[in-house]
Amino acid sequence: MKSTLEPQDTDRLNTQLNRVKFFMLSGEWKTLREIADHVQGSEAGVSARLRDLRNKYHYTVNRRRVNDQGLWEYSVSTGSVQPVEYKWEGNQGAFL
């Protein structure tokens, strides 16, 4: 089943996706908590945006285990298979 988003959700999620993308393109390893704190979102939301980067936009999202309690770190690289278009609309950007 394909999910559809209301317009207000699309704007909010695209904005969060942009913040996660640009923060993570540094290539540094970050936990979900560190990413969420930086982009002012939830860990669940950040996890979903990392999946979007991997599945929809074909970025490489790496993860590595930090400890035995289930803590993971993530990094993102631009090894994209498909080019991602980015368009500025007003003061916010959007992926096309």
N, C-alpha and C. Protein backbone atom coordinates (compact mmCIF):
# COMPACT_ATOMS: atom_id res chain seq x y z
N MET A 1 0.84 -1.17 0.00
CA MET A 1 0.00 0.00 0.00
C MET A 1 0.89 1.24 0.00
N LYS A 2 0.64 2.12 -0.93
CA LYS A 2 1.42 3.35 -1.04
C LYS A 2 0.84 4.41 -0.13
N SER A 3 1.70 5.05 0.66
CA SER A 3 1.21 6.09 1.55
C SER A 3 1.22 7.43 0.84
N THR A 4 0.24 8.24 1.18
CA THR A 4 0.18 9.60 0.64
C THR A 4 0.29 10.56 1.81
N LEU A 5 0.89 11.68 1.55
CA LEU A 5 1.08 12.69 2.59
C LEU A 5 0.24 13.91 2.28
N GLU A 6 -0.24 14.52 3.33
CA GLU A 6 -0.91 15.80 3.19
C GLU A 6 0.15 16.84 2.83
N PRO A 7 -0.21 17.92 2.12
CA PRO A 7 0.77 18.94 1.74
C PRO A 7 1.58 19.48 2.91
N GLN A 8 0.94 19.71 4.07
CA GLN A 8 1.69 20.24 5.20
C GLN A 8 2.71 19.22 5.72
N ASP A 9 2.43 17.93 5.59
CA ASP A 9 3.39 16.90 6.00
C ASP A 9 4.56 16.84 5.02
N THR A 10 4.26 16.97 3.72
CA THR A 10 5.31 16.93 2.71
C THR A 10 6.33 18.04 2.95
N ASP A 11 5.88 19.25 3.19
CA ASP A 11 6.80 20.37 3.44
C ASP A 11 7.66 20.09 4.68
N ARG A 12 7.02 19.65 5.75
CA ARG A 12 7.75 19.40 7.00
C ARG A 12 8.78 18.29 6.82
N LEU A 13 8.39 17.19 6.17
CA LEU A 13 9.31 16.07 6.01
C LEU A 13 10.43 16.38 5.03
N ASN A 14 10.15 17.13 3.97
CA ASN A 14 11.21 17.55 3.05
C ASN A 14 12.21 18.44 3.76
N THR A 15 11.73 19.34 4.62
CA THR A 15 12.62 20.21 5.37
C THR A 15 13.51 19.39 6.29
N GLN A 16 12.93 18.42 6.99
CA GLN A 16 13.73 17.57 7.87
C GLN A 16 14.73 16.75 7.05
N LEU A 17 14.31 16.25 5.90
CA LEU A 17 15.20 15.48 5.03
C LEU A 17 16.39 16.34 4.62
N ASN A 18 16.14 17.59 4.25
CA ASN A 18 17.23 18.49 3.87
C ASN A 18 18.21 18.69 5.01
N ARG A 19 17.70 18.91 6.22
CA ARG A 19 18.57 19.13 7.37
C ARG A 19 19.41 17.89 7.66
N VAL A 20 18.80 16.72 7.62
CA VAL A 20 19.54 15.47 7.86
C VAL A 20 20.60 15.28 6.77
N LYS A 21 20.20 15.49 5.54
CA LYS A 21 21.13 15.28 4.41
C LYS A 21 22.37 16.17 4.55
N PHE A 22 22.16 17.46 4.71
CA PHE A 22 23.30 18.37 4.74
C PHE A 22 24.16 18.20 5.98
N PHE A 23 23.55 17.82 7.10
CA PHE A 23 24.34 17.55 8.30
C PHE A 23 25.18 16.29 8.12
N MET A 24 24.61 15.27 7.51
CA MET A 24 25.30 13.99 7.40
C MET A 24 26.28 13.92 6.23
N LEU A 25 26.20 14.83 5.29
CA LEU A 25 27.15 14.77 4.16
C LEU A 25 28.57 15.14 4.56
N SER A 26 28.78 15.49 5.83
CA SER A 26 30.15 15.70 6.31
C SER A 26 30.93 14.40 6.31
N GLY A 27 30.20 13.27 6.28
CA GLY A 27 30.85 11.96 6.29
C GLY A 27 31.21 11.47 7.68
N GLU A 28 30.96 12.28 8.70
CA GLU A 28 31.28 11.87 10.07
C GLU A 28 30.25 10.87 10.58
N TRP A 29 30.66 10.04 11.53
CA TRP A 29 29.78 9.08 12.15
C TRP A 29 29.00 9.76 13.27
N LYS A 30 27.68 9.58 13.26
CA LYS A 30 26.80 10.20 14.26
C LYS A 30 25.75 9.19 14.71
N THR A 31 25.35 9.27 15.99
CA THR A 31 24.25 8.46 16.48
C THR A 31 22.94 9.13 16.09
N LEU A 32 21.84 8.37 16.19
CA LEU A 32 20.54 8.96 15.91
C LEU A 32 20.26 10.14 16.84
N ARG A 33 20.65 10.01 18.10
CA ARG A 33 20.42 11.10 19.07
C ARG A 33 21.18 12.35 18.65
N GLU A 34 22.45 12.20 18.22
CA GLU A 34 23.24 13.36 17.79
C GLU A 34 22.61 14.03 16.57
N ILE A 35 22.15 13.23 15.63
CA ILE A 35 21.51 13.78 14.43
C ILE A 35 20.21 14.49 14.81
N ALA A 36 19.40 13.81 15.63
CA ALA A 36 18.11 14.37 16.04
C ALA A 36 18.30 15.69 16.78
N ASP A 37 19.28 15.76 17.66
CA ASP A 37 19.55 17.00 18.38
C ASP A 37 19.92 18.13 17.43
N HIS A 38 20.75 17.81 16.43
CA HIS A 38 21.21 18.84 15.50
C HIS A 38 20.09 19.34 14.60
N VAL A 39 19.25 18.43 14.12
CA VAL A 39 18.20 18.83 13.17
C VAL A 39 16.88 19.15 13.86
N GLN A 40 16.88 19.08 15.17
CA GLN A 40 15.69 19.38 15.98
C GLN A 40 14.52 18.48 15.60
N GLY A 41 14.78 17.18 15.61
CA GLY A 41 13.75 16.19 15.30
C GLY A 41 13.81 15.05 16.28
N SER A 42 13.03 14.03 16.02
CA SER A 42 13.03 12.84 16.87
C SER A 42 13.96 11.79 16.26
N GLU A 43 14.38 10.84 17.09
CA GLU A 43 15.22 9.75 16.58
C GLU A 43 14.46 8.93 15.55
N ALA A 44 13.17 8.70 15.78
CA ALA A 44 12.35 7.94 14.82
C ALA A 44 12.26 8.68 13.48
N GLY A 45 12.08 10.00 13.55
CA GLY A 45 12.02 10.80 12.33
C GLY A 45 13.33 10.79 11.57
N VAL A 46 14.44 10.90 12.30
CA VAL A 46 15.76 10.87 11.68
C VAL A 46 16.01 9.52 11.03
N SER A 47 15.64 8.46 11.73
CA SER A 47 15.80 7.12 11.17
C SER A 47 15.03 6.98 9.86
N ALA A 48 13.82 7.52 9.82
CA ALA A 48 13.01 7.48 8.59
C ALA A 48 13.66 8.29 7.48
N ARG A 49 14.22 9.45 7.81
CA ARG A 49 14.86 10.27 6.79
C ARG A 49 16.12 9.59 6.25
N LEU A 50 16.88 8.87 7.11
CA LEU A 50 18.04 8.12 6.63
C LEU A 50 17.59 7.02 5.67
N ARG A 51 16.47 6.37 5.97
CA ARG A 51 15.91 5.37 5.05
C ARG A 51 15.52 6.02 3.73
N ASP A 52 14.92 7.22 3.80
CA ASP A 52 14.57 7.92 2.57
C ASP A 52 15.81 8.21 1.74
N LEU A 53 16.88 8.67 2.38
CA LEU A 53 18.12 8.95 1.64
C LEU A 53 18.64 7.69 0.96
N ARG A 54 18.55 6.56 1.66
CA ARG A 54 19.04 5.31 1.10
C ARG A 54 18.10 4.76 0.02
N ASN A 55 16.82 4.67 0.32
CA ASN A 55 15.90 3.98 -0.58
C ASN A 55 15.37 4.84 -1.72
N LYS A 56 15.03 6.09 -1.45
CA LYS A 56 14.45 6.94 -2.48
C LYS A 56 15.49 7.68 -3.30
N TYR A 57 16.59 8.07 -2.65
CA TYR A 57 17.57 8.93 -3.32
C TYR A 57 18.90 8.24 -3.55
N HIS A 58 19.02 6.97 -3.15
CA HIS A 58 20.17 6.12 -3.45
C HIS A 58 21.50 6.62 -2.91
N TYR A 59 21.47 7.28 -1.76
CA TYR A 59 22.70 7.62 -1.08
C TYR A 59 23.18 6.39 -0.33
N THR A 60 24.45 6.33 -0.05
CA THR A 60 24.99 5.24 0.75
C THR A 60 24.90 5.64 2.22
N VAL A 61 24.12 4.87 2.98
CA VAL A 61 23.98 5.11 4.42
C VAL A 61 24.64 3.94 5.13
N ASN A 62 25.75 4.22 5.78
CA ASN A 62 26.51 3.19 6.50
C ASN A 62 26.12 3.21 7.97
N ARG A 63 26.23 2.07 8.61
CA ARG A 63 26.02 2.03 10.06
C ARG A 63 27.03 1.09 10.68
N ARG A 64 27.38 1.40 11.92
CA ARG A 64 28.29 0.54 12.66
C ARG A 64 27.87 0.51 14.12
N ARG A 65 28.06 -0.63 14.72
CA ARG A 65 27.68 -0.82 16.12
C ARG A 65 28.72 -0.17 17.02
N VAL A 66 28.24 0.58 18.02
CA VAL A 66 29.13 1.28 18.94
C VAL A 66 29.38 0.46 20.19
N ASN A 67 28.32 -0.20 20.69
CA ASN A 67 28.47 -0.98 21.91
C ASN A 67 27.52 -2.17 21.90
N ASP A 68 27.55 -2.96 22.98
CA ASP A 68 26.71 -4.15 23.05
C ASP A 68 25.28 -3.85 23.49
N GLN A 69 24.95 -2.60 23.79
CA GLN A 69 23.60 -2.24 24.20
C GLN A 69 22.73 -1.81 23.01
N GLY A 70 23.20 -1.99 21.81
CA GLY A 70 22.41 -1.68 20.62
C GLY A 70 22.56 -0.27 20.10
N LEU A 71 23.61 0.44 20.48
CA LEU A 71 23.84 1.79 19.97
C LEU A 71 24.57 1.71 18.64
N TRP A 72 24.04 2.43 17.66
CA TRP A 72 24.61 2.44 16.32
C TRP A 72 24.99 3.88 15.94
N GLU A 73 25.99 3.99 15.06
CA GLU A 73 26.35 5.27 14.45
C GLU A 73 26.12 5.14 12.95
N TYR A 74 25.84 6.27 12.33
CA TYR A 74 25.53 6.31 10.91
C TYR A 74 26.40 7.34 10.20
N SER A 75 26.71 7.07 8.94
CA SER A 75 27.36 8.05 8.08
C SER A 75 26.71 7.95 6.71
N VAL A 76 26.76 9.06 5.98
CA VAL A 76 26.14 9.13 4.65
C VAL A 76 27.20 9.59 3.67
N SER A 77 27.25 8.94 2.52
CA SER A 77 28.16 9.38 1.46
C SER A 77 27.36 9.60 0.18
N THR A 78 27.95 10.36 -0.72
CA THR A 78 27.25 10.78 -1.93
C THR A 78 27.36 9.77 -3.06
N GLY A 79 27.68 8.57 -2.77
CA GLY A 79 27.77 7.56 -3.81
C GLY A 79 26.40 7.23 -4.37
N SER A 80 25.71 8.25 -4.87
CA SER A 80 24.34 8.04 -5.34
C SER A 80 24.35 7.44 -6.73
N VAL A 81 23.41 6.56 -6.96
CA VAL A 81 23.25 5.93 -8.26
C VAL A 81 22.51 6.87 -9.19
N GLN A 82 21.49 7.54 -8.66
CA GLN A 82 20.71 8.49 -9.45
C GLN A 82 21.00 9.90 -8.95
N PRO A 83 21.09 10.86 -9.85
CA PRO A 83 21.25 12.24 -9.37
C PRO A 83 20.00 12.69 -8.65
N VAL A 84 20.18 13.47 -7.62
CA VAL A 84 19.07 14.01 -6.86
C VAL A 84 18.97 15.49 -7.19
N GLU A 85 17.80 15.90 -7.65
CA GLU A 85 17.60 17.31 -7.94
C GLU A 85 17.15 18.02 -6.68
N TYR A 86 17.65 19.20 -6.49
CA TYR A 86 17.31 20.00 -5.33
C TYR A 86 16.86 21.36 -5.83
N LYS A 87 15.70 21.79 -5.39
CA LYS A 87 15.14 23.04 -5.88
C LYS A 87 14.78 23.93 -4.70
N TRP A 88 15.20 25.17 -4.75
CA TRP A 88 14.83 26.14 -3.71
C TRP A 88 13.48 26.72 -4.03
N GLU A 89 12.60 26.70 -3.03
CA GLU A 89 11.29 27.31 -3.16
C GLU A 89 11.11 28.24 -1.97
N GLY A 90 11.22 29.50 -2.20
CA GLY A 90 11.16 30.45 -1.09
C GLY A 90 12.38 30.30 -0.22
N ASN A 91 12.18 30.13 1.09
CA ASN A 91 13.33 29.96 1.97
C ASN A 91 13.55 28.50 2.35
N GLN A 92 12.85 27.57 1.67
CA GLN A 92 13.04 26.15 1.94
C GLN A 92 13.39 25.44 0.65
N GLY A 93 14.16 24.37 0.77
CA GLY A 93 14.49 23.56 -0.38
C GLY A 93 13.60 22.34 -0.43
N ALA A 94 13.56 21.70 -1.56
CA ALA A 94 12.75 20.49 -1.70
C ALA A 94 13.44 19.56 -2.67
N PHE A 95 13.39 18.27 -2.39
CA PHE A 95 13.88 17.28 -3.33
C PHE A 95 12.80 17.00 -4.36
N LEU A 96 13.20 16.84 -5.59
CA LEU A 96 12.24 16.56 -6.65
C LEU A 96 12.33 15.11 -7.06
